[in-house]
Amino acid sequence: MIEAAVLNVGKDILPASFGFHPAFRWPLPYGALRDAHQIRFERPETEALPTLVDGLLGPRVRPTPLKDRLMTLRDELFAEGALIFDRLESRSLE
């Protein structure tokens, strides 16, 4: 679980925004091949993923890299940058 708290100790409104960007070491250090690693989502994720343009969300989307609930990690997944799952049904990974 990732958690954050924002406390405004002043009298004025304090706009706040931040994002969590989890990262995983890949490949794991036990020696498996890069494409032997998978991430299993709690639920199937069928929504397309937005792409980045100059560091911001762009108008183009790309298809989900999941097959049912599994995402097999491969270098090509990250050729266009980070994967942004902005409409997740899952609340956990296995």
PDB file of N, CA and C in Angstrom:
ATOM      1  N   MET A   1       0.849  -1.176   0.000  1.00  0.00           N
ATOM      2  CA  MET A   1       0.000   0.000   0.000  1.00  0.00           C
ATOM      3  C   MET A   1       0.893   1.237   0.000  1.00  0.00           C
ATOM      4  N   ILE A   2       0.500   2.213  -0.785  1.00  0.00           N
ATOM      5  CA  ILE A   2       1.183   3.501  -0.821  1.00  0.00           C
ATOM      6  C   ILE A   2       0.210   4.522  -0.252  1.00  0.00           C
ATOM      7  N   GLU A   3       0.700   5.345   0.631  1.00  0.00           N
ATOM      8  CA  GLU A   3      -0.175   6.314   1.291  1.00  0.00           C
ATOM      9  C   GLU A   3       0.555   7.644   1.421  1.00  0.00           C
ATOM     10  N   ALA A   4      -0.202   8.737   1.386  1.00  0.00           N
ATOM     11  CA  ALA A   4       0.381  10.065   1.556  1.00  0.00           C
ATOM     12  C   ALA A   4      -0.585  10.931   2.349  1.00  0.00           C
ATOM     13  N   ALA A   5      -0.037  11.904   3.025  1.00  0.00           N
ATOM     14  CA  ALA A   5      -0.855  12.860   3.768  1.00  0.00           C
ATOM     15  C   ALA A   5      -0.345  14.264   3.483  1.00  0.00           C
ATOM     16  N   VAL A   6      -1.259  15.214   3.316  1.00  0.00           N
ATOM     17  CA  VAL A   6      -0.913  16.609   3.104  1.00  0.00           C
ATOM     18  C   VAL A   6      -1.549  17.394   4.232  1.00  0.00           C
ATOM     19  N   LEU A   7      -0.748  18.193   4.914  1.00  0.00           N
ATOM     20  CA  LEU A   7      -1.243  18.986   6.027  1.00  0.00           C
ATOM     21  C   LEU A   7      -0.986  20.452   5.731  1.00  0.00           C
ATOM     22  N   ASN A   8      -2.038  21.238   5.727  1.00  0.00           N
ATOM     23  CA  ASN A   8      -1.919  22.679   5.533  1.00  0.00           C
ATOM     24  C   ASN A   8      -1.947  23.333   6.914  1.00  0.00           C
ATOM     25  N   VAL A   9      -0.830  23.867   7.337  1.00  0.00           N
ATOM     26  CA  VAL A   9      -0.764  24.506   8.657  1.00  0.00           C
ATOM     27  C   VAL A   9      -1.035  26.002   8.582  1.00  0.00           C
ATOM     28  N   GLY A  10      -1.266  26.503   7.363  1.00  0.00           N
ATOM     29  CA  GLY A  10      -1.556  27.918   7.186  1.00  0.00           C
ATOM     30  C   GLY A  10      -3.048  28.184   7.154  1.00  0.00           C
ATOM     31  N   LYS A  11      -3.402  29.454   6.955  1.00  0.00           N
ATOM     32  CA  LYS A  11      -4.802  29.859   6.889  1.00  0.00           C
ATOM     33  C   LYS A  11      -5.321  29.927   5.452  1.00  0.00           C
ATOM     34  N   ASP A  12      -4.422  30.009   4.495  1.00  0.00           N
ATOM     35  CA  ASP A  12      -4.814  30.094   3.088  1.00  0.00           C
ATOM     36  C   ASP A  12      -5.014  28.705   2.495  1.00  0.00           C
ATOM     37  N   ILE A  13      -5.789  28.658   1.420  1.00  0.00           N
ATOM     38  CA  ILE A  13      -5.968  27.410   0.694  1.00  0.00           C
ATOM     39  C   ILE A  13      -4.620  26.977   0.128  1.00  0.00           C
ATOM     40  N   LEU A  14      -4.324  25.708   0.231  1.00  0.00           N
ATOM     41  CA  LEU A  14      -3.065  25.171  -0.261  1.00  0.00           C
ATOM     42  C   LEU A  14      -3.359  24.132  -1.339  1.00  0.00           C
ATOM     43  N   PRO A  15      -3.347  24.537  -2.610  1.00  0.00           N
ATOM     44  CA  PRO A  15      -3.535  23.534  -3.662  1.00  0.00           C
ATOM     45  C   PRO A  15      -2.393  22.525  -3.620  1.00  0.00           C
ATOM     46  N   ALA A  16      -2.730  21.273  -3.775  1.00  0.00           N
ATOM     47  CA  ALA A  16      -1.702  20.229  -3.745  1.00  0.00           C
ATOM     48  C   ALA A  16      -2.044  19.157  -4.759  1.00  0.00           C
ATOM     49  N   SER A  17      -1.018  18.639  -5.382  1.00  0.00           N
ATOM     50  CA  SER A  17      -1.201  17.543  -6.324  1.00  0.00           C
ATOM     51  C   SER A  17       0.113  16.781  -6.398  1.00  0.00           C
ATOM     52  N   PHE A  18       0.024  15.490  -6.417  1.00  0.00           N
ATOM     53  CA  PHE A  18       1.217  14.674  -6.589  1.00  0.00           C
ATOM     54  C   PHE A  18       0.787  13.333  -7.145  1.00  0.00           C
ATOM     55  N   GLY A  19       1.726  12.614  -7.694  1.00  0.00           N
ATOM     56  CA  GLY A  19       1.423  11.309  -8.267  1.00  0.00           C
ATOM     57  C   GLY A  19       2.373  10.271  -7.728  1.00  0.00           C
ATOM     58  N   PHE A  20       1.908   9.063  -7.722  1.00  0.00           N
ATOM     59  CA  PHE A  20       2.759   7.952  -7.315  1.00  0.00           C
ATOM     60  C   PHE A  20       3.182   7.216  -8.566  1.00  0.00           C
ATOM     61  N   HIS A  21       4.428   6.920  -8.676  1.00  0.00           N
ATOM     62  CA  HIS A  21       4.964   6.259  -9.849  1.00  0.00           C
ATOM     63  C   HIS A  21       5.780   5.060  -9.398  1.00  0.00           C
ATOM     64  N   PRO A  22       5.105   3.945  -9.101  1.00  0.00           N
ATOM     65  CA  PRO A  22       5.881   2.782  -8.655  1.00  0.00           C
ATOM     66  C   PRO A  22       6.793   2.278  -9.760  1.00  0.00           C
ATOM     67  N   ALA A  23       7.897   1.737  -9.353  1.00  0.00           N
ATOM     68  CA  ALA A  23       8.855   1.184 -10.304  1.00  0.00           C
ATOM     69  C   ALA A  23       9.308  -0.175  -9.781  1.00  0.00           C
ATOM     70  N   PHE A  24       9.713  -1.028 -10.694  1.00  0.00           N
ATOM     71  CA  PHE A  24      10.144  -2.366 -10.341  1.00  0.00           C
ATOM     72  C   PHE A  24      11.493  -2.636 -10.992  1.00  0.00           C
ATOM     73  N   ARG A  25      12.380  -3.273 -10.245  1.00  0.00           N
ATOM     74  CA  ARG A  25      13.653  -3.692 -10.827  1.00  0.00           C
ATOM     75  C   ARG A  25      13.369  -4.830 -11.801  1.00  0.00           C
ATOM     76  N   TRP A  26      13.962  -4.723 -12.992  1.00  0.00           N
ATOM     77  CA  TRP A  26      13.708  -5.727 -14.015  1.00  0.00           C
ATOM     78  C   TRP A  26      14.924  -5.873 -14.888  1.00  0.00           C
ATOM     79  N   PRO A  27      15.443  -7.056 -15.082  1.00  0.00           N
ATOM     80  CA  PRO A  27      14.958  -8.315 -14.529  1.00  0.00           C
ATOM     81  C   PRO A  27      15.300  -8.438 -13.046  1.00  0.00           C
ATOM     82  N   LEU A  28      14.547  -9.276 -12.377  1.00  0.00           N
ATOM     83  CA  LEU A  28      14.818  -9.530 -10.966  1.00  0.00           C
ATOM     84  C   LEU A  28      16.199 -10.162 -10.836  1.00  0.00           C
ATOM     85  N   PRO A  29      16.847  -9.992  -9.695  1.00  0.00           N
ATOM     86  CA  PRO A  29      18.248 -10.406  -9.570  1.00  0.00           C
ATOM     87  C   PRO A  29      18.501 -11.910  -9.548  1.00  0.00           C
ATOM     88  N   TYR A  30      17.487 -12.762  -9.586  1.00  0.00           N
ATOM     89  CA  TYR A  30      17.751 -14.195  -9.477  1.00  0.00           C
ATOM     90  C   TYR A  30      18.117 -14.850 -10.802  1.00  0.00           C
ATOM     91  N   GLY A  31      18.243 -14.080 -11.891  1.00  0.00           N
ATOM     92  CA  GLY A  31      18.814 -14.599 -13.118  1.00  0.00           C
ATOM     93  C   GLY A  31      17.850 -15.029 -14.198  1.00  0.00           C
ATOM     94  N   ALA A  32      16.556 -14.870 -14.033  1.00  0.00           N
ATOM     95  CA  ALA A  32      15.618 -15.247 -15.099  1.00  0.00           C
ATOM     96  C   ALA A  32      15.762 -14.293 -16.281  1.00  0.00           C
ATOM     97  N   LEU A  33      15.387 -14.768 -17.463  1.00  0.00           N
ATOM     98  CA  LEU A  33      15.418 -13.924 -18.651  1.00  0.00           C
ATOM     99  C   LEU A  33      14.436 -12.763 -18.511  1.00  0.00           C
ATOM    100  N   ARG A  34      14.698 -11.689 -19.218  1.00  0.00           N
ATOM    101  CA  ARG A  34      13.837 -10.498 -19.127  1.00  0.00           C
ATOM    102  C   ARG A  34      12.388 -10.809 -19.468  1.00  0.00           C
ATOM    103  N   ASP A  35      12.150 -11.600 -20.526  1.00  0.00           N
ATOM    104  CA  ASP A  35      10.765 -11.876 -20.924  1.00  0.00           C
ATOM    105  C   ASP A  35      10.126 -13.015 -20.125  1.00  0.00           C
ATOM    106  N   ALA A  36      10.807 -13.491 -19.094  1.00  0.00           N
ATOM    107  CA  ALA A  36      10.225 -14.494 -18.196  1.00  0.00           C
ATOM    108  C   ALA A  36       9.468 -13.831 -17.044  1.00  0.00           C
ATOM    109  N   HIS A  37       9.474 -12.513 -17.002  1.00  0.00           N
ATOM    110  CA  HIS A  37       8.819 -11.775 -15.920  1.00  0.00           C
ATOM    111  C   HIS A  37       7.425 -11.336 -16.356  1.00  0.00           C
ATOM    112  N   GLN A  38       6.476 -11.503 -15.461  1.00  0.00           N
ATOM    113  CA  GLN A  38       5.098 -11.096 -15.728  1.00  0.00           C
ATOM    114  C   GLN A  38       4.539 -10.362 -14.517  1.00  0.00           C
ATOM    115  N   ILE A  39       3.590  -9.496 -14.781  1.00  0.00           N
ATOM    116  CA  ILE A  39       2.824  -8.849 -13.721  1.00  0.00           C
ATOM    117  C   ILE A  39       1.384  -9.288 -13.903  1.00  0.00           C
ATOM    118  N   ARG A  40       0.794  -9.808 -12.846  1.00  0.00           N
ATOM    119  CA  ARG A  40      -0.592 -10.267 -12.889  1.00  0.00           C
ATOM    120  C   ARG A  40      -1.459  -9.239 -12.165  1.00  0.00           C
ATOM    121  N   PHE A  41      -2.404  -8.673 -12.890  1.00  0.00           N
ATOM    122  CA  PHE A  41      -3.327  -7.694 -12.333  1.00  0.00           C
ATOM    123  C   PHE A  41      -4.492  -8.406 -11.656  1.00  0.00           C
ATOM    124  N   GLU A  42      -5.103  -7.744 -10.717  1.00  0.00           N
ATOM    125  CA  GLU A  42      -6.260  -8.308 -10.002  1.00  0.00           C
ATOM    126  C   GLU A  42      -7.412  -8.616 -10.967  1.00  0.00           C
ATOM    127  N   ARG A  43      -7.617  -7.746 -11.950  1.00  0.00           N
ATOM    128  CA  ARG A  43      -8.713  -7.891 -12.913  1.00  0.00           C
ATOM    129  C   ARG A  43      -8.186  -7.674 -14.333  1.00  0.00           C
ATOM    130  N   PRO A  44      -8.919  -8.144 -15.337  1.00  0.00           N
ATOM    131  CA  PRO A  44      -8.519  -7.822 -16.712  1.00  0.00           C
ATOM    132  C   PRO A  44      -8.573  -6.310 -16.939  1.00  0.00           C
ATOM    133  N   GLU A  45      -7.613  -5.788 -17.649  1.00  0.00           N
ATOM    134  CA  GLU A  45      -7.548  -4.348 -17.941  1.00  0.00           C
ATOM    135  C   GLU A  45      -7.638  -4.172 -19.452  1.00  0.00           C
ATOM    136  N   THR A  46      -8.781  -3.690 -19.923  1.00  0.00           N
ATOM    137  CA  THR A  46      -9.024  -3.615 -21.355  1.00  0.00           C
ATOM    138  C   THR A  46      -8.916  -2.206 -21.927  1.00  0.00           C
ATOM    139  N   GLU A  47      -8.855  -1.194 -21.075  1.00  0.00           N
ATOM    140  CA  GLU A  47      -8.798   0.192 -21.551  1.00  0.00           C
ATOM    141  C   GLU A  47      -7.467   0.486 -22.242  1.00  0.00           C
ATOM    142  N   ALA A  48      -7.527   1.278 -23.307  1.00  0.00           N
ATOM    143  CA  ALA A  48      -6.311   1.727 -23.995  1.00  0.00           C
ATOM    144  C   ALA A  48      -5.512   2.646 -23.075  1.00  0.00           C
ATOM    145  N   LEU A  49      -4.224   2.722 -23.307  1.00  0.00           N
ATOM    146  CA  LEU A  49      -3.326   3.540 -22.493  1.00  0.00           C
ATOM    147  C   LEU A  49      -2.970   4.822 -23.228  1.00  0.00           C
ATOM    148  N   PRO A  50      -3.004   5.962 -22.532  1.00  0.00           N
ATOM    149  CA  PRO A  50      -2.594   7.206 -23.177  1.00  0.00           C
ATOM    150  C   PRO A  50      -1.090   7.210 -23.436  1.00  0.00           C
ATOM    151  N   THR A  51      -0.675   8.033 -24.363  1.00  0.00           N
ATOM    152  CA  THR A  51       0.748   8.197 -24.660  1.00  0.00           C
ATOM    153  C   THR A  51       1.193   9.584 -24.228  1.00  0.00           C
ATOM    154  N   LEU A  52       2.493   9.752 -24.128  1.00  0.00           N
ATOM    155  CA  LEU A  52       3.057  11.033 -23.724  1.00  0.00           C
ATOM    156  C   LEU A  52       3.558  11.806 -24.927  1.00  0.00           C
ATOM    157  N   VAL A  53       3.361  13.122 -24.880  1.00  0.00           N
ATOM    158  CA  VAL A  53       3.914  14.037 -25.869  1.00  0.00           C
ATOM    159  C   VAL A  53       4.567  15.164 -25.079  1.00  0.00           C
ATOM    160  N   ASP A  54       5.866  15.288 -25.199  1.00  0.00           N
ATOM    161  CA  ASP A  54       6.613  16.316 -24.459  1.00  0.00           C
ATOM    162  C   ASP A  54       6.324  16.268 -22.966  1.00  0.00           C
ATOM    163  N   GLY A  55       6.224  15.060 -22.422  1.00  0.00           N
ATOM    164  CA  GLY A  55       6.023  14.888 -20.992  1.00  0.00           C
ATOM    165  C   GLY A  55       4.586  15.044 -20.519  1.00  0.00           C
ATOM    166  N   LEU A  56       3.655  15.295 -21.421  1.00  0.00           N
ATOM    167  CA  LEU A  56       2.245  15.452 -21.066  1.00  0.00           C
ATOM    168  C   LEU A  56       1.420  14.401 -21.792  1.00  0.00           C
ATOM    169  N   LEU A  57       0.223  14.125 -21.270  1.00  0.00           N
ATOM    170  CA  LEU A  57      -0.656  13.171 -21.941  1.00  0.00           C
ATOM    171  C   LEU A  57      -1.041  13.697 -23.304  1.00  0.00           C
ATOM    172  N   GLY A  58      -0.882  12.872 -24.312  1.00  0.00           N
ATOM    173  CA  GLY A  58      -1.208  13.264 -25.676  1.00  0.00           C
ATOM    174  C   GLY A  58      -2.561  12.717 -26.103  1.00  0.00           C
ATOM    175  N   PRO A  59      -2.998  13.047 -27.309  1.00  0.00           N
ATOM    176  CA  PRO A  59      -4.305  12.608 -27.789  1.00  0.00           C
ATOM    177  C   PRO A  59      -4.332  11.149 -28.254  1.00  0.00           C
ATOM    178  N   ARG A  60      -3.169  10.595 -28.560  1.00  0.00           N
ATOM    179  CA  ARG A  60      -3.099   9.225 -29.080  1.00  0.00           C
ATOM    180  C   ARG A  60      -3.094   8.217 -27.929  1.00  0.00           C
ATOM    181  N   VAL A  61      -3.696   7.064 -28.157  1.00  0.00           N
ATOM    182  CA  VAL A  61      -3.669   5.980 -27.177  1.00  0.00           C
ATOM    183  C   VAL A  61      -3.063   4.741 -27.821  1.00  0.00           C
ATOM    184  N   ARG A  62      -2.655   3.811 -26.984  1.00  0.00           N
ATOM    185  CA  ARG A  62      -2.161   2.531 -27.483  1.00  0.00           C
ATOM    186  C   ARG A  62      -2.911   1.414 -26.765  1.00  0.00           C
ATOM    187  N   PRO A  63      -3.021   0.263 -27.395  1.00  0.00           N
ATOM    188  CA  PRO A  63      -3.785  -0.828 -26.790  1.00  0.00           C
ATOM    189  C   PRO A  63      -3.148  -1.318 -25.498  1.00  0.00           C
ATOM    190  N   THR A  64      -3.973  -1.858 -24.638  1.00  0.00           N
ATOM    191  CA  THR A  64      -3.443  -2.420 -23.398  1.00  0.00           C
ATOM    192  C   THR A  64      -2.455  -3.541 -23.708  1.00  0.00           C
ATOM    193  N   PRO A  65      -1.371  -3.642 -22.952  1.00  0.00           N
ATOM    194  CA  PRO A  65      -0.414  -4.718 -23.174  1.00  0.00           C
ATOM    195  C   PRO A  65      -0.785  -6.006 -22.439  1.00  0.00           C
ATOM    196  N   LEU A  66      -1.950  -6.025 -21.794  1.00  0.00           N
ATOM    197  CA  LEU A  66      -2.353  -7.204 -21.035  1.00  0.00           C
ATOM    198  C   LEU A  66      -3.066  -8.221 -21.905  1.00  0.00           C
ATOM    199  N   LYS A  67      -2.852  -9.464 -21.599  1.00  0.00           N
ATOM    200  CA  LYS A  67      -3.618 -10.586 -22.128  1.00  0.00           C
ATOM    201  C   LYS A  67      -4.368 -11.135 -20.925  1.00  0.00           C
ATOM    202  N   ASP A  68      -5.679 -10.905 -20.904  1.00  0.00           N
ATOM    203  CA  ASP A  68      -6.506 -11.207 -19.741  1.00  0.00           C
ATOM    204  C   ASP A  68      -5.978 -10.386 -18.568  1.00  0.00           C
ATOM    205  N   ARG A  69      -5.347 -10.998 -17.591  1.00  0.00           N
ATOM    206  CA  ARG A  69      -4.832 -10.259 -16.432  1.00  0.00           C
ATOM    207  C   ARG A  69      -3.306 -10.180 -16.417  1.00  0.00           C
ATOM    208  N   LEU A  70      -2.654 -10.740 -17.419  1.00  0.00           N
ATOM    209  CA  LEU A  70      -1.193 -10.835 -17.418  1.00  0.00           C
ATOM    210  C   LEU A  70      -0.528  -9.838 -18.354  1.00  0.00           C
ATOM    211  N   MET A  71       0.545  -9.244 -17.866  1.00  0.00           N
ATOM    212  CA  MET A  71       1.396  -8.405 -18.696  1.00  0.00           C
ATOM    213  C   MET A  71       2.800  -9.009 -18.651  1.00  0.00           C
ATOM    214  N   THR A  72       3.245  -9.546 -19.783  1.00  0.00           N
ATOM    215  CA  THR A  72       4.598 -10.080 -19.885  1.00  0.00           C
ATOM    216  C   THR A  72       5.525  -8.918 -20.202  1.00  0.00           C
ATOM    217  N   LEU A  73       6.551  -8.753 -19.397  1.00  0.00           N
ATOM    218  CA  LEU A  73       7.466  -7.631 -19.578  1.00  0.00           C
ATOM    219  C   LEU A  73       8.415  -7.905 -20.736  1.00  0.00           C
ATOM    220  N   ARG A  74       8.526  -6.922 -21.617  1.00  0.00           N
ATOM    221  CA  ARG A  74       9.458  -6.971 -22.743  1.00  0.00           C
ATOM    222  C   ARG A  74       9.914  -5.541 -23.021  1.00  0.00           C
ATOM    223  N   ASP A  75      11.092  -5.417 -23.539  1.00  0.00           N
ATOM    224  CA  ASP A  75      11.666  -4.098 -23.790  1.00  0.00           C
ATOM    225  C   ASP A  75      10.775  -3.235 -24.684  1.00  0.00           C
ATOM    226  N   GLU A  76      10.116  -3.849 -25.676  1.00  0.00           N
ATOM    227  CA  GLU A  76       9.303  -3.074 -26.622  1.00  0.00           C
ATOM    228  C   GLU A  76       8.149  -2.335 -25.927  1.00  0.00           C
ATOM    229  N   LEU A  77       7.691  -2.846 -24.793  1.00  0.00           N
ATOM    230  CA  LEU A  77       6.598  -2.174 -24.075  1.00  0.00           C
ATOM    231  C   LEU A  77       6.951  -0.737 -23.722  1.00  0.00           C
ATOM    232  N   PHE A  78       8.216  -0.484 -23.509  1.00  0.00           N
ATOM    233  CA  PHE A  78       8.657   0.823 -23.019  1.00  0.00           C
ATOM    234  C   PHE A  78       9.340   1.662 -24.100  1.00  0.00           C
ATOM    235  N   ALA A  79       9.232   1.233 -25.348  1.00  0.00           N
ATOM    236  CA  ALA A  79       9.868   1.959 -26.447  1.00  0.00           C
ATOM    237  C   ALA A  79       9.330   3.385 -26.570  1.00  0.00           C
ATOM    238  N   GLU A  80       8.057   3.588 -26.237  1.00  0.00           N
ATOM    239  CA  GLU A  80       7.461   4.925 -26.312  1.00  0.00           C
ATOM    240  C   GLU A  80       7.418   5.611 -24.955  1.00  0.00           C
ATOM    241  N   GLY A  81       8.091   5.041 -23.970  1.00  0.00           N
ATOM    242  CA  GLY A  81       8.113   5.646 -22.641  1.00  0.00           C
ATOM    243  C   GLY A  81       7.291   4.836 -21.650  1.00  0.00           C
ATOM    244  N   ALA A  82       6.898   5.498 -20.596  1.00  0.00           N
ATOM    245  CA  ALA A  82       6.190   4.852 -19.490  1.00  0.00           C
ATOM    246  C   ALA A  82       4.826   4.330 -19.920  1.00  0.00           C
ATOM    247  N   LEU A  83       4.383   3.288 -19.246  1.00  0.00           N
ATOM    248  CA  LEU A  83       3.016   2.789 -19.420  1.00  0.00           C
ATOM    249  C   LEU A  83       2.134   3.504 -18.404  1.00  0.00           C
ATOM    250  N   ILE A  84       1.078   4.114 -18.881  1.00  0.00           N
ATOM    251  CA  ILE A  84       0.200   4.899 -18.002  1.00  0.00           C
ATOM    252  C   ILE A  84      -1.159   4.223 -17.955  1.00  0.00           C
ATOM    253  N   PHE A  85      -1.448   3.585 -16.838  1.00  0.00           N
ATOM    254  CA  PHE A  85      -2.749   2.951 -16.631  1.00  0.00           C
ATOM    255  C   PHE A  85      -3.610   3.944 -15.867  1.00  0.00           C
ATOM    256  N   ASP A  86      -4.365   4.749 -16.579  1.00  0.00           N
ATOM    257  CA  ASP A  86      -5.135   5.804 -15.920  1.00  0.00           C
ATOM    258  C   ASP A  86      -6.603   5.431 -15.672  1.00  0.00           C
ATOM    259  N   ARG A  87      -7.002   4.246 -16.083  1.00  0.00           N
ATOM    260  CA  ARG A  87      -8.390   3.790 -15.870  1.00  0.00           C
ATOM    261  C   ARG A  87      -8.404   2.353 -15.373  1.00  0.00           C
ATOM    262  N   LEU A  88      -7.703   2.112 -14.312  1.00  0.00           N
ATOM    263  CA  LEU A  88      -7.568   0.756 -13.790  1.00  0.00           C
ATOM    264  C   LEU A  88      -8.830   0.264 -13.094  1.00  0.00           C
ATOM    265  N   GLU A  89      -9.123  -1.002 -13.314  1.00  0.00           N
ATOM    266  CA  GLU A  89     -10.146  -1.701 -12.550  1.00  0.00           C
ATOM    267  C   GLU A  89      -9.496  -2.376 -11.342  1.00  0.00           C
ATOM    268  N   SER A  90      -8.255  -2.781 -11.490  1.00  0.00           N
ATOM    269  CA  SER A  90      -7.519  -3.490 -10.432  1.00  0.00           C
ATOM    270  C   SER A  90      -7.106  -2.535  -9.317  1.00  0.00           C
ATOM    271  N   ARG A  91      -7.051  -3.085  -8.124  1.00  0.00           N
ATOM    272  CA  ARG A  91      -6.544  -2.344  -6.976  1.00  0.00           C
ATOM    273  C   ARG A  91      -5.315  -3.036  -6.381  1.00  0.00           C
ATOM    274  N   SER A  92      -4.895  -4.145  -7.023  1.00  0.00           N
ATOM    275  CA  SER A  92      -3.705  -4.843  -6.538  1.00  0.00           C
ATOM    276  C   SER A  92      -3.061  -5.611  -7.700  1.00  0.00           C
ATOM    277  N   LEU A  93      -1.823  -5.987  -7.487  1.00  0.00           N
ATOM    278  CA  LEU A  93      -1.047  -6.784  -8.441  1.00  0.00           C
ATOM    279  C   LEU A  93      -0.579  -8.041  -7.730  1.00  0.00           C
ATOM    280  N   GLU A  94      -0.347  -9.086  -8.508  1.00  0.00           N
ATOM    281  CA  GLU A  94       0.173 -10.330  -7.922  1.00  0.00           C
ATOM    282  C   GLU A  94       1.531 -10.627  -8.506  1.00  0.00           C
TER     283      GLU A  94
END
